[in-house]
Amino acid sequence: MARITRNATLTFGKHKGTKISMCPTSYLRWMGETLMDSDLHRWAQAARDELDVRQREGALETEHKSLEQQADDLLRKAGFKP
């Protein structure tokens, strides 16, 4: 089975349609903890891998995004470039 990378687009859940690399840290943590013992364990591992990348890059985001970032995310999901 092929490995899921950080460029894979989620096919389920709250952030369906979002690349793993664009998901909030809190969601990646949830995936990594909750999905490991399920049929979606490959997604859990991909989430953990992304968290490792962010840790190495020193880029772990805060749990709460700014209102401006939330608006940008919403516009991107709707197909606009903020």
PDB file of N, CA and C in Angstrom:
ATOM      1  N   MET A   1       0.827  -1.172   0.000  1.00  0.00           N
ATOM      2  CA  MET A   1       0.000   0.000   0.000  1.00  0.00           C
ATOM      3  C   MET A   1       0.881   1.249   0.000  1.00  0.00           C
ATOM      4  N   ALA A   2       0.518   2.216  -0.791  1.00  0.00           N
ATOM      5  CA  ALA A   2       1.314   3.436  -0.911  1.00  0.00           C
ATOM      6  C   ALA A   2       1.207   4.294   0.352  1.00  0.00           C
ATOM      7  N   ARG A   3       2.294   4.962   0.657  1.00  0.00           N
ATOM      8  CA  ARG A   3       2.331   5.840   1.818  1.00  0.00           C
ATOM      9  C   ARG A   3       1.603   7.146   1.504  1.00  0.00           C
ATOM     10  N   ILE A   4       0.891   7.657   2.476  1.00  0.00           N
ATOM     11  CA  ILE A   4       0.201   8.933   2.327  1.00  0.00           C
ATOM     12  C   ILE A   4       1.180  10.036   2.698  1.00  0.00           C
ATOM     13  N   THR A   5       1.312  11.029   1.839  1.00  0.00           N
ATOM     14  CA  THR A   5       2.265  12.115   2.067  1.00  0.00           C
ATOM     15  C   THR A   5       1.559  13.371   2.555  1.00  0.00           C
ATOM     16  N   ARG A   6       2.342  14.359   2.890  1.00  0.00           N
ATOM     17  CA  ARG A   6       1.797  15.629   3.382  1.00  0.00           C
ATOM     18  C   ARG A   6       1.035  16.396   2.294  1.00  0.00           C
ATOM     19  N   ASN A   7       1.204  16.000   1.041  1.00  0.00           N
ATOM     20  CA  ASN A   7       0.477  16.641  -0.056  1.00  0.00           C
ATOM     21  C   ASN A   7      -0.842  15.958  -0.379  1.00  0.00           C
ATOM     22  N   ALA A   8      -1.150  14.883   0.349  1.00  0.00           N
ATOM     23  CA  ALA A   8      -2.413  14.181   0.136  1.00  0.00           C
ATOM     24  C   ALA A   8      -3.569  15.037   0.649  1.00  0.00           C
ATOM     25  N   THR A   9      -4.697  14.947  -0.041  1.00  0.00           N
ATOM     26  CA  THR A   9      -5.885  15.695   0.337  1.00  0.00           C
ATOM     27  C   THR A   9      -6.800  14.796   1.153  1.00  0.00           C
ATOM     28  N   LEU A  10      -7.237  15.293   2.304  1.00  0.00           N
ATOM     29  CA  LEU A  10      -8.116  14.500   3.162  1.00  0.00           C
ATOM     30  C   LEU A  10      -9.419  14.178   2.439  1.00  0.00           C
ATOM     31  N   THR A  11      -9.865  12.953   2.606  1.00  0.00           N
ATOM     32  CA  THR A  11     -11.086  12.483   1.950  1.00  0.00           C
ATOM     33  C   THR A  11     -12.209  12.284   2.956  1.00  0.00           C
ATOM     34  N   PHE A  12     -12.021  12.781   4.162  1.00  0.00           N
ATOM     35  CA  PHE A  12     -12.991  12.574   5.232  1.00  0.00           C
ATOM     36  C   PHE A  12     -12.872  13.701   6.247  1.00  0.00           C
ATOM     37  N   GLY A  13     -13.869  13.803   7.104  1.00  0.00           N
ATOM     38  CA  GLY A  13     -13.803  14.641   8.284  1.00  0.00           C
ATOM     39  C   GLY A  13     -13.966  16.134   8.091  1.00  0.00           C
ATOM     40  N   LYS A  14     -13.720  16.830   9.163  1.00  0.00           N
ATOM     41  CA  LYS A  14     -13.903  18.272   9.256  1.00  0.00           C
ATOM     42  C   LYS A  14     -13.111  19.047   8.211  1.00  0.00           C
ATOM     43  N   HIS A  15     -11.948  18.540   7.850  1.00  0.00           N
ATOM     44  CA  HIS A  15     -11.072  19.234   6.896  1.00  0.00           C
ATOM     45  C   HIS A  15     -10.990  18.502   5.559  1.00  0.00           C
ATOM     46  N   LYS A  16     -12.057  17.815   5.200  1.00  0.00           N
ATOM     47  CA  LYS A  16     -12.122  17.115   3.914  1.00  0.00           C
ATOM     48  C   LYS A  16     -11.815  18.114   2.792  1.00  0.00           C
ATOM     49  N   GLY A  17     -10.954  17.696   1.867  1.00  0.00           N
ATOM     50  CA  GLY A  17     -10.576  18.561   0.758  1.00  0.00           C
ATOM     51  C   GLY A  17      -9.339  19.404   1.032  1.00  0.00           C
ATOM     52  N   THR A  18      -8.776  19.287   2.234  1.00  0.00           N
ATOM     53  CA  THR A  18      -7.603  20.058   2.633  1.00  0.00           C
ATOM     54  C   THR A  18      -6.368  19.158   2.613  1.00  0.00           C
ATOM     55  N   LYS A  19      -5.265  19.680   2.114  1.00  0.00           N
ATOM     56  CA  LYS A  19      -4.010  18.916   2.161  1.00  0.00           C
ATOM     57  C   LYS A  19      -3.574  18.762   3.609  1.00  0.00           C
ATOM     58  N   ILE A  20      -2.949  17.645   3.908  1.00  0.00           N
ATOM     59  CA  ILE A  20      -2.464  17.405   5.263  1.00  0.00           C
ATOM     60  C   ILE A  20      -1.551  18.549   5.703  1.00  0.00           C
ATOM     61  N   SER A  21      -0.722  19.030   4.814  1.00  0.00           N
ATOM     62  CA  SER A  21       0.216  20.096   5.158  1.00  0.00           C
ATOM     63  C   SER A  21      -0.477  21.414   5.512  1.00  0.00           C
ATOM     64  N   MET A  22      -1.751  21.540   5.177  1.00  0.00           N
ATOM     65  CA  MET A  22      -2.498  22.766   5.452  1.00  0.00           C
ATOM     66  C   MET A  22      -3.448  22.622   6.643  1.00  0.00           C
ATOM     67  N   CYS A  23      -3.519  21.443   7.223  1.00  0.00           N
ATOM     68  CA  CYS A  23      -4.426  21.206   8.353  1.00  0.00           C
ATOM     69  C   CYS A  23      -3.886  21.853   9.628  1.00  0.00           C
ATOM     70  N   PRO A  24      -4.791  22.290  10.495  1.00  0.00           N
ATOM     71  CA  PRO A  24      -4.351  22.843  11.779  1.00  0.00           C
ATOM     72  C   PRO A  24      -3.631  21.786  12.621  1.00  0.00           C
ATOM     73  N   THR A  25      -2.695  22.230  13.396  1.00  0.00           N
ATOM     74  CA  THR A  25      -1.928  21.335  14.256  1.00  0.00           C
ATOM     75  C   THR A  25      -2.843  20.541  15.177  1.00  0.00           C
ATOM     76  N   SER A  26      -3.847  21.190  15.725  1.00  0.00           N
ATOM     77  CA  SER A  26      -4.747  20.500  16.652  1.00  0.00           C
ATOM     78  C   SER A  26      -5.455  19.330  15.964  1.00  0.00           C
ATOM     79  N   TYR A  27      -5.819  19.494  14.694  1.00  0.00           N
ATOM     80  CA  TYR A  27      -6.489  18.405  13.966  1.00  0.00           C
ATOM     81  C   TYR A  27      -5.505  17.272  13.674  1.00  0.00           C
ATOM     82  N   LEU A  28      -4.276  17.625  13.331  1.00  0.00           N
ATOM     83  CA  LEU A  28      -3.268  16.595  13.090  1.00  0.00           C
ATOM     84  C   LEU A  28      -3.005  15.786  14.357  1.00  0.00           C
ATOM     85  N   ARG A  29      -2.958  16.478  15.493  1.00  0.00           N
ATOM     86  CA  ARG A  29      -2.774  15.760  16.759  1.00  0.00           C
ATOM     87  C   ARG A  29      -3.931  14.804  17.008  1.00  0.00           C
ATOM     88  N   TRP A  30      -5.147  15.278  16.767  1.00  0.00           N
ATOM     89  CA  TRP A  30      -6.325  14.430  16.942  1.00  0.00           C
ATOM     90  C   TRP A  30      -6.240  13.203  16.025  1.00  0.00           C
ATOM     91  N   MET A  31      -5.905  13.427  14.758  1.00  0.00           N
ATOM     92  CA  MET A  31      -5.786  12.309  13.814  1.00  0.00           C
ATOM     93  C   MET A  31      -4.743  11.305  14.297  1.00  0.00           C
ATOM     94  N   GLY A  32      -3.577  11.820  14.690  1.00  0.00           N
ATOM     95  CA  GLY A  32      -2.477  10.957  15.106  1.00  0.00           C
ATOM     96  C   GLY A  32      -2.802  10.120  16.325  1.00  0.00           C
ATOM     97  N   GLU A  33      -3.613  10.647  17.213  1.00  0.00           N
ATOM     98  CA  GLU A  33      -3.972   9.931  18.432  1.00  0.00           C
ATOM     99  C   GLU A  33      -5.188   9.024  18.248  1.00  0.00           C
ATOM    100  N   THR A  34      -6.176   9.505  17.519  1.00  0.00           N
ATOM    101  CA  THR A  34      -7.469   8.824  17.446  1.00  0.00           C
ATOM    102  C   THR A  34      -7.540   7.754  16.363  1.00  0.00           C
ATOM    103  N   LEU A  35      -6.881   7.967  15.255  1.00  0.00           N
ATOM    104  CA  LEU A  35      -7.056   7.087  14.104  1.00  0.00           C
ATOM    105  C   LEU A  35      -6.042   5.954  14.008  1.00  0.00           C
ATOM    106  N   MET A  36      -5.064   5.935  14.897  1.00  0.00           N
ATOM    107  CA  MET A  36      -3.980   4.960  14.774  1.00  0.00           C
ATOM    108  C   MET A  36      -4.472   3.511  14.835  1.00  0.00           C
ATOM    109  N   ASP A  37      -5.484   3.236  15.626  1.00  0.00           N
ATOM    110  CA  ASP A  37      -5.988   1.866  15.769  1.00  0.00           C
ATOM    111  C   ASP A  37      -7.237   1.622  14.930  1.00  0.00           C
ATOM    112  N   SER A  38      -7.354   2.311  13.817  1.00  0.00           N
ATOM    113  CA  SER A  38      -8.525   2.160  12.956  1.00  0.00           C
ATOM    114  C   SER A  38      -8.091   1.839  11.527  1.00  0.00           C
ATOM    115  N   ASP A  39      -9.079   1.729  10.650  1.00  0.00           N
ATOM    116  CA  ASP A  39      -8.788   1.499   9.236  1.00  0.00           C
ATOM    117  C   ASP A  39      -8.078   2.697   8.599  1.00  0.00           C
ATOM    118  N   LEU A  40      -8.083   3.807   9.289  1.00  0.00           N
ATOM    119  CA  LEU A  40      -7.464   5.027   8.771  1.00  0.00           C
ATOM    120  C   LEU A  40      -6.069   5.259   9.357  1.00  0.00           C
ATOM    121  N   HIS A  41      -5.433   4.186   9.820  1.00  0.00           N
ATOM    122  CA  HIS A  41      -4.124   4.319  10.467  1.00  0.00           C
ATOM    123  C   HIS A  41      -3.061   4.937   9.558  1.00  0.00           C
ATOM    124  N   ARG A  42      -3.178   4.765   8.244  1.00  0.00           N
ATOM    125  CA  ARG A  42      -2.207   5.390   7.328  1.00  0.00           C
ATOM    126  C   ARG A  42      -2.327   6.915   7.378  1.00  0.00           C
ATOM    127  N   TRP A  43      -3.549   7.411   7.540  1.00  0.00           N
ATOM    128  CA  TRP A  43      -3.763   8.846   7.676  1.00  0.00           C
ATOM    129  C   TRP A  43      -3.200   9.336   9.003  1.00  0.00           C
ATOM    130  N   ALA A  44      -3.360   8.527  10.050  1.00  0.00           N
ATOM    131  CA  ALA A  44      -2.810   8.886  11.362  1.00  0.00           C
ATOM    132  C   ALA A  44      -1.301   9.012  11.280  1.00  0.00           C
ATOM    133  N   GLN A  45      -0.664   8.086  10.589  1.00  0.00           N
ATOM    134  CA  GLN A  45       0.791   8.137  10.453  1.00  0.00           C
ATOM    135  C   GLN A  45       1.211   9.361   9.649  1.00  0.00           C
ATOM    136  N   ALA A  46       0.457   9.690   8.604  1.00  0.00           N
ATOM    137  CA  ALA A  46       0.766  10.881   7.806  1.00  0.00           C
ATOM    138  C   ALA A  46       0.639  12.144   8.662  1.00  0.00           C
ATOM    139  N   ALA A  47      -0.359  12.168   9.539  1.00  0.00           N
ATOM    140  CA  ALA A  47      -0.531  13.321  10.441  1.00  0.00           C
ATOM    141  C   ALA A  47       0.658  13.423  11.384  1.00  0.00           C
ATOM    142  N   ARG A  48       1.090  12.297  11.920  1.00  0.00           N
ATOM    143  CA  ARG A  48       2.247  12.293  12.820  1.00  0.00           C
ATOM    144  C   ARG A  48       3.512  12.738  12.086  1.00  0.00           C
ATOM    145  N   ASP A  49       3.650  12.287  10.845  1.00  0.00           N
ATOM    146  CA  ASP A  49       4.805  12.695  10.039  1.00  0.00           C
ATOM    147  C   ASP A  49       4.814  14.207   9.821  1.00  0.00           C
ATOM    148  N   GLU A  50       3.641  14.776   9.531  1.00  0.00           N
ATOM    149  CA  GLU A  50       3.544  16.223   9.326  1.00  0.00           C
ATOM    150  C   GLU A  50       3.877  16.979  10.612  1.00  0.00           C
ATOM    151  N   LEU A  51       3.419  16.467  11.735  1.00  0.00           N
ATOM    152  CA  LEU A  51       3.757  17.096  13.013  1.00  0.00           C
ATOM    153  C   LEU A  51       5.258  17.063  13.255  1.00  0.00           C
ATOM    154  N   ASP A  52       5.904  15.963  12.879  1.00  0.00           N
ATOM    155  CA  ASP A  52       7.361  15.864  13.007  1.00  0.00           C
ATOM    156  C   ASP A  52       8.062  16.908  12.142  1.00  0.00           C
ATOM    157  N   VAL A  53       7.571  17.082  10.916  1.00  0.00           N
ATOM    158  CA  VAL A  53       8.156  18.086  10.008  1.00  0.00           C
ATOM    159  C   VAL A  53       8.022  19.474  10.627  1.00  0.00           C
ATOM    160  N   ARG A  54       6.838  19.780  11.137  1.00  0.00           N
ATOM    161  CA  ARG A  54       6.619  21.092  11.747  1.00  0.00           C
ATOM    162  C   ARG A  54       7.510  21.288  12.968  1.00  0.00           C
ATOM    163  N   GLN A  55       7.682  20.234  13.736  1.00  0.00           N
ATOM    164  CA  GLN A  55       8.540  20.312  14.920  1.00  0.00           C
ATOM    165  C   GLN A  55       9.979  20.629  14.514  1.00  0.00           C
ATOM    166  N   ARG A  56      10.464  19.916  13.499  1.00  0.00           N
ATOM    167  CA  ARG A  56      11.836  20.145  13.030  1.00  0.00           C
ATOM    168  C   ARG A  56      12.009  21.549  12.468  1.00  0.00           C
ATOM    169  N   GLU A  57      10.987  22.049  11.796  1.00  0.00           N
ATOM    170  CA  GLU A  57      11.068  23.384  11.197  1.00  0.00           C
ATOM    171  C   GLU A  57      10.759  24.485  12.203  1.00  0.00           C
ATOM    172  N   GLY A  58      10.346  24.098  13.404  1.00  0.00           N
ATOM    173  CA  GLY A  58       9.978  25.087  14.404  1.00  0.00           C
ATOM    174  C   GLY A  58       8.741  25.857  14.019  1.00  0.00           C
ATOM    175  N   ALA A  59       7.858  25.183  13.269  1.00  0.00           N
ATOM    176  CA  ALA A  59       6.708  25.884  12.710  1.00  0.00           C
ATOM    177  C   ALA A  59       5.382  25.432  13.298  1.00  0.00           C
ATOM    178  N   LEU A  60       5.382  24.864  14.491  1.00  0.00           N
ATOM    179  CA  LEU A  60       4.100  24.474  15.081  1.00  0.00           C
ATOM    180  C   LEU A  60       3.290  25.734  15.329  1.00  0.00           C
ATOM    181  N   GLU A  61       2.106  25.739  14.774  1.00  0.00           N
ATOM    182  CA  GLU A  61       1.257  26.909  14.910  1.00  0.00           C
ATOM    183  C   GLU A  61       0.547  26.905  16.251  1.00  0.00           C
ATOM    184  N   THR A  62       0.048  28.033  16.625  1.00  0.00           N
ATOM    185  CA  THR A  62      -0.740  28.093  17.850  1.00  0.00           C
ATOM    186  C   THR A  62      -2.065  27.399  17.608  1.00  0.00           C
ATOM    187  N   GLU A  63      -2.709  27.009  18.661  1.00  0.00           N
ATOM    188  CA  GLU A  63      -3.971  26.289  18.542  1.00  0.00           C
ATOM    189  C   GLU A  63      -5.074  27.176  17.969  1.00  0.00           C
ATOM    190  N   HIS A  64      -4.990  28.449  18.191  1.00  0.00           N
ATOM    191  CA  HIS A  64      -6.041  29.348  17.737  1.00  0.00           C
ATOM    192  C   HIS A  64      -5.490  30.265  16.661  1.00  0.00           C
ATOM    193  N   LYS A  65      -6.043  30.122  15.470  1.00  0.00           N
ATOM    194  CA  LYS A  65      -5.601  30.972  14.372  1.00  0.00           C
ATOM    195  C   LYS A  65      -6.223  32.354  14.517  1.00  0.00           C
ATOM    196  N   SER A  66      -5.556  33.313  13.937  1.00  0.00           N
ATOM    197  CA  SER A  66      -6.103  34.658  13.938  1.00  0.00           C
ATOM    198  C   SER A  66      -7.355  34.684  13.063  1.00  0.00           C
ATOM    199  N   LEU A  67      -8.185  35.654  13.293  1.00  0.00           N
ATOM    200  CA  LEU A  67      -9.408  35.800  12.507  1.00  0.00           C
ATOM    201  C   LEU A  67      -9.065  35.960  11.029  1.00  0.00           C
ATOM    202  N   GLU A  68      -7.996  36.687  10.743  1.00  0.00           N
ATOM    203  CA  GLU A  68      -7.563  36.884   9.360  1.00  0.00           C
ATOM    204  C   GLU A  68      -7.170  35.550   8.717  1.00  0.00           C
ATOM    205  N   GLN A  69      -6.446  34.692   9.441  1.00  0.00           N
ATOM    206  CA  GLN A  69      -6.043  33.381   8.917  1.00  0.00           C
ATOM    207  C   GLN A  69      -7.265  32.492   8.686  1.00  0.00           C
ATOM    208  N   GLN A  70      -8.222  32.531   9.610  1.00  0.00           N
ATOM    209  CA  GLN A  70      -9.436  31.741   9.440  1.00  0.00           C
ATOM    210  C   GLN A  70     -10.192  32.183   8.192  1.00  0.00           C
ATOM    211  N   ALA A  71     -10.255  33.501   7.956  1.00  0.00           N
ATOM    212  CA  ALA A  71     -10.934  34.021   6.765  1.00  0.00           C
ATOM    213  C   ALA A  71     -10.196  33.590   5.501  1.00  0.00           C
ATOM    214  N   ASP A  72      -8.862  33.659   5.520  1.00  0.00           N
ATOM    215  CA  ASP A  72      -8.070  33.219   4.374  1.00  0.00           C
ATOM    216  C   ASP A  72      -8.324  31.738   4.075  1.00  0.00           C
ATOM    217  N   ASP A  73      -8.348  30.908   5.113  1.00  0.00           N
ATOM    218  CA  ASP A  73      -8.603  29.473   4.927  1.00  0.00           C
ATOM    219  C   ASP A  73      -9.971  29.236   4.303  1.00  0.00           C
ATOM    220  N   LEU A  74     -10.963  29.951   4.788  1.00  0.00           N
ATOM    221  CA  LEU A  74     -12.320  29.817   4.271  1.00  0.00           C
ATOM    222  C   LEU A  74     -12.383  30.216   2.794  1.00  0.00           C
ATOM    223  N   LEU A  75     -11.722  31.315   2.448  1.00  0.00           N
ATOM    224  CA  LEU A  75     -11.705  31.763   1.054  1.00  0.00           C
ATOM    225  C   LEU A  75     -10.993  30.753   0.149  1.00  0.00           C
ATOM    226  N   ARG A  76      -9.887  30.186   0.618  1.00  0.00           N
ATOM    227  CA  ARG A  76      -9.161  29.184  -0.174  1.00  0.00           C
ATOM    228  C   ARG A  76     -10.042  27.955  -0.439  1.00  0.00           C
ATOM    229  N   LYS A  77     -10.753  27.507   0.586  1.00  0.00           N
ATOM    230  CA  LYS A  77     -11.639  26.339   0.421  1.00  0.00           C
ATOM    231  C   LYS A  77     -12.754  26.634  -0.570  1.00  0.00           C
ATOM    232  N   ALA A  78     -13.135  27.899  -0.672  1.00  0.00           N
ATOM    233  CA  ALA A  78     -14.190  28.304  -1.607  1.00  0.00           C
ATOM    234  C   ALA A  78     -13.639  28.557  -3.016  1.00  0.00           C
ATOM    235  N   GLY A  79     -12.311  28.432  -3.170  1.00  0.00           N
ATOM    236  CA  GLY A  79     -11.717  28.586  -4.496  1.00  0.00           C
ATOM    237  C   GLY A  79     -11.149  29.953  -4.788  1.00  0.00           C
ATOM    238  N   PHE A  80     -11.110  30.823  -3.794  1.00  0.00           N
ATOM    239  CA  PHE A  80     -10.551  32.162  -3.977  1.00  0.00           C
ATOM    240  C   PHE A  80      -9.122  32.209  -3.471  1.00  0.00           C
ATOM    241  N   LYS A  81      -8.375  33.170  -4.006  1.00  0.00           N
ATOM    242  CA  LYS A  81      -7.013  33.396  -3.521  1.00  0.00           C
ATOM    243  C   LYS A  81      -7.012  34.694  -2.717  1.00  0.00           C
ATOM    244  N   PRO A  82      -6.938  34.583  -1.391  1.00  0.00           N
ATOM    245  CA  PRO A  82      -6.984  35.807  -0.555  1.00  0.00           C
ATOM    246  C   PRO A  82      -5.733  36.640  -0.713  1.00  0.00           C
TER     247      PRO A  82
END
